C-alpha atoms as a PDB file:
ATOM      1  CA  UNK A   1     203.029 253.866 158.239  1.00  0.00           C
ATOM      2  CA  UNK A   2     202.661 256.933 160.334  1.00  0.00           C
ATOM      3  CA  UNK A   3     199.843 259.313 159.549  1.00  0.00           C
ATOM      4  CA  UNK A   4     199.760 262.840 160.872  1.00  0.00           C
ATOM      5  CA  UNK A   5     197.005 264.071 163.130  1.00  0.00           C
ATOM      6  CA  UNK A   6     194.334 266.289 161.716  1.00  0.00           C
ATOM      7  CA  UNK A   7     193.776 269.663 163.369  1.00  0.00           C
ATOM      8  CA  UNK A   8     190.582 268.258 164.871  1.00  0.00           C
ATOM      9  CA  UNK A   9     192.531 265.391 166.449  1.00  0.00           C
ATOM     10  CA  UNK A  10     195.184 267.819 167.677  1.00  0.00           C
ATOM     11  CA  UNK A  11     192.580 270.040 169.347  1.00  0.00           C
ATOM     12  CA  UNK A  12     190.820 267.044 170.896  1.00  0.00           C
ATOM     13  CA  UNK A  13     194.172 265.978 172.325  1.00  0.00           C
ATOM     14  CA  UNK A  14     194.699 269.484 173.688  1.00  0.00           C
ATOM     15  CA  UNK A  15     191.213 269.355 175.237  1.00  0.00           C
ATOM     16  CA  UNK A  16     192.148 266.116 177.022  1.00  0.00           C
ATOM     17  CA  UNK A  17     195.452 267.653 178.148  1.00  0.00           C
ATOM     18  CA  UNK A  18     193.698 270.708 179.562  1.00  0.00           C
ATOM     19  CA  UNK A  19     191.120 268.492 181.303  1.00  0.00           C
ATOM     20  CA  UNK A  20     193.977 266.653 183.016  1.00  0.00           C
ATOM     21  CA  UNK A  21     195.481 269.963 184.103  1.00  0.00           C
ATOM     22  CA  UNK A  22     192.127 271.010 185.605  1.00  0.00           C
ATOM     23  CA  UNK A  23     191.984 267.669 187.441  1.00  0.00           C
ATOM     24  CA  UNK A  24     195.575 267.999 188.649  1.00  0.00           C
ATOM     25  CA  UNK A  25     194.995 271.499 190.003  1.00  0.00           C
ATOM     26  CA  UNK A  26     191.694 270.503 191.625  1.00  0.00           C
ATOM     27  CA  UNK A  27     193.540 267.733 193.478  1.00  0.00           C
ATOM     28  CA  UNK A  28     196.195 270.248 194.577  1.00  0.00           C
ATOM     29  CA  UNK A  29     193.352 272.363 195.985  1.00  0.00           C
ATOM     30  CA  UNK A  30     192.089 269.337 197.913  1.00  0.00           C
ATOM     31  CA  UNK A  31     195.541 268.631 199.310  1.00  0.00           C
ATOM     32  CA  UNK A  32     196.707 272.162 200.091  1.00  0.00           C
ATOM     33  CA  UNK A  33     193.545 274.301 200.151  1.00  0.00           C
ATOM     34  CA  UNK A  34     192.154 276.962 197.835  1.00  0.00           C
ATOM     35  CA  UNK A  35     193.924 279.904 199.484  1.00  0.00           C
ATOM     36  CA  UNK A  36     197.427 278.380 199.633  1.00  0.00           C
ATOM     37  CA  UNK A  37     200.146 279.891 197.474  1.00  0.00           C
ATOM     38  CA  UNK A  38     202.603 277.183 196.481  1.00  0.00           C
ATOM     39  CA  UNK A  39     206.260 278.127 197.031  1.00  0.00           C
ATOM     40  CA  UNK A  40     207.576 279.651 193.825  1.00  0.00           C
ATOM     41  CA  UNK A  41     204.079 280.688 192.701  1.00  0.00           C
ATOM     42  CA  UNK A  42     202.402 284.093 192.769  1.00  0.00           C
ATOM     43  CA  UNK A  43     198.811 282.868 192.582  1.00  0.00           C
ATOM     44  CA  UNK A  44     196.578 281.028 195.028  1.00  0.00           C
ATOM     45  CA  UNK A  45     195.536 277.502 194.173  1.00  0.00           C
ATOM     46  CA  UNK A  46     192.032 278.786 193.372  1.00  0.00           C
ATOM     47  CA  UNK A  47     193.446 281.341 190.939  1.00  0.00           C
ATOM     48  CA  UNK A  48     195.550 278.630 189.320  1.00  0.00           C
ATOM     49  CA  UNK A  49     192.504 276.328 189.092  1.00  0.00           C
ATOM     50  CA  UNK A  50     190.483 279.096 187.451  1.00  0.00           C
ATOM     51  CA  UNK A  51     193.309 279.625 184.964  1.00  0.00           C
ATOM     52  CA  UNK A  52     193.296 275.926 184.038  1.00  0.00           C
ATOM     53  CA  UNK A  53     189.515 276.012 183.609  1.00  0.00           C
ATOM     54  CA  UNK A  54     189.856 278.985 181.247  1.00  0.00           C
ATOM     55  CA  UNK A  55     192.508 277.082 179.264  1.00  0.00           C
ATOM     56  CA  UNK A  56     190.127 274.115 178.925  1.00  0.00           C
ATOM     57  CA  UNK A  57     187.249 276.352 177.886  1.00  0.00           C
ATOM     58  CA  UNK A  58     189.504 278.107 175.366  1.00  0.00           C
ATOM     59  CA  UNK A  59     190.308 274.863 173.559  1.00  0.00           C
ATOM     60  CA  UNK A  60     186.640 273.851 173.718  1.00  0.00           C
ATOM     61  CA  UNK A  61     185.739 277.191 172.140  1.00  0.00           C
ATOM     62  CA  UNK A  62     188.299 276.592 169.369  1.00  0.00           C
ATOM     63  CA  UNK A  63     186.728 273.216 168.628  1.00  0.00           C
ATOM     64  CA  UNK A  64     183.284 274.761 168.607  1.00  0.00           C
ATOM     65  CA  UNK A  65     184.331 277.637 166.344  1.00  0.00           C
ATOM     66  CA  UNK A  66     186.244 275.499 163.847  1.00  0.00           C
ATOM     67  CA  UNK A  67     184.021 272.431 163.637  1.00  0.00           C
ATOM     68  CA  UNK A  68     180.525 273.802 164.254  1.00  0.00           C
ATOM     69  CA  UNK A  69     179.513 272.822 160.711  1.00  0.00           C
ATOM     70  CA  UNK A  70     180.333 269.133 161.304  1.00  0.00           C
ATOM     71  CA  UNK A  71     179.853 268.811 165.072  1.00  0.00           C
ATOM     72  CA  UNK A  72     177.962 270.789 167.672  1.00  0.00           C
ATOM     73  CA  UNK A  73     180.381 271.188 170.568  1.00  0.00           C
ATOM     74  CA  UNK A  74     178.064 273.604 172.339  1.00  0.00           C
ATOM     75  CA  UNK A  75     174.662 272.690 173.673  1.00  0.00           C
ATOM     76  CA  UNK A  76     171.439 274.564 173.229  1.00  0.00           C
ATOM     77  CA  UNK A  77     171.291 276.938 176.244  1.00  0.00           C
ATOM     78  CA  UNK A  78     168.090 275.382 177.585  1.00  0.00           C
ATOM     79  CA  UNK A  79     169.514 271.850 177.272  1.00  0.00           C
ATOM     80  CA  UNK A  80     172.775 273.065 178.856  1.00  0.00           C
ATOM     81  CA  UNK A  81     170.947 274.512 181.880  1.00  0.00           C
ATOM     82  CA  UNK A  82     168.928 271.309 182.272  1.00  0.00           C
ATOM     83  CA  UNK A  83     172.050 269.122 182.035  1.00  0.00           C
ATOM     84  CA  UNK A  84     173.892 271.367 184.490  1.00  0.00           C
ATOM     85  CA  UNK A  85     171.015 271.190 186.961  1.00  0.00           C
ATOM     86  CA  UNK A  86     170.837 267.404 186.617  1.00  0.00           C
ATOM     87  CA  UNK A  87     174.573 267.112 187.278  1.00  0.00           C
ATOM     88  CA  UNK A  88     174.335 269.249 190.408  1.00  0.00           C
ATOM     89  CA  UNK A  89     171.500 267.083 191.719  1.00  0.00           C
ATOM     90  CA  UNK A  90     173.494 263.920 190.971  1.00  0.00           C
ATOM     91  CA  UNK A  91     176.644 265.160 192.724  1.00  0.00           C
ATOM     92  CA  UNK A  92     174.613 266.215 195.759  1.00  0.00           C
ATOM     93  CA  UNK A  93     172.821 262.845 195.824  1.00  0.00           C
ATOM     94  CA  UNK A  94     176.113 260.936 195.914  1.00  0.00           C
ATOM     95  CA  UNK A  95     177.565 263.380 198.450  1.00  0.00           C
ATOM     96  CA  UNK A  96     174.629 262.600 200.740  1.00  0.00           C
ATOM     97  CA  UNK A  97     175.191 258.880 200.206  1.00  0.00           C
ATOM     98  CA  UNK A  98     178.887 259.264 201.084  1.00  0.00           C
ATOM     99  CA  UNK A  99     177.888 261.269 204.142  1.00  0.00           C
ATOM    100  CA  UNK A 100     175.468 258.554 205.248  1.00  0.00           C
ATOM    101  CA  UNK A 101     178.386 256.099 205.060  1.00  0.00           C
ATOM    102  CA  UNK A 102     180.535 258.372 207.235  1.00  0.00           C
ATOM    103  CA  UNK A 103     183.033 259.035 204.425  1.00  0.00           C
ATOM    104  CA  UNK A 104     182.596 262.852 204.272  1.00  0.00           C
ATOM    105  CA  UNK A 105     181.566 265.444 206.822  1.00  0.00           C
END
């Protein structure tokens, strides 16, 4: 039969939902630009993107706060900085590869 979600499962689902909303808004920024204000909206696309990022980080913080005993949702600050730096290098590497193929400016 049907079993109900645990709170952990619910929050993980919310995290995925918020990640999709960040992705959706980022793609809107690609299509329409960061400064554009969509008809019917009061905020620029960048402001809306930042809002979605905050929503994602809020759910991540809830997971971290509630399940820190069982799972470590936050990284050690030194490991976080190293991982962040590695990601930036990786994105720039593939950007340069795309540029060498004439796919980006």
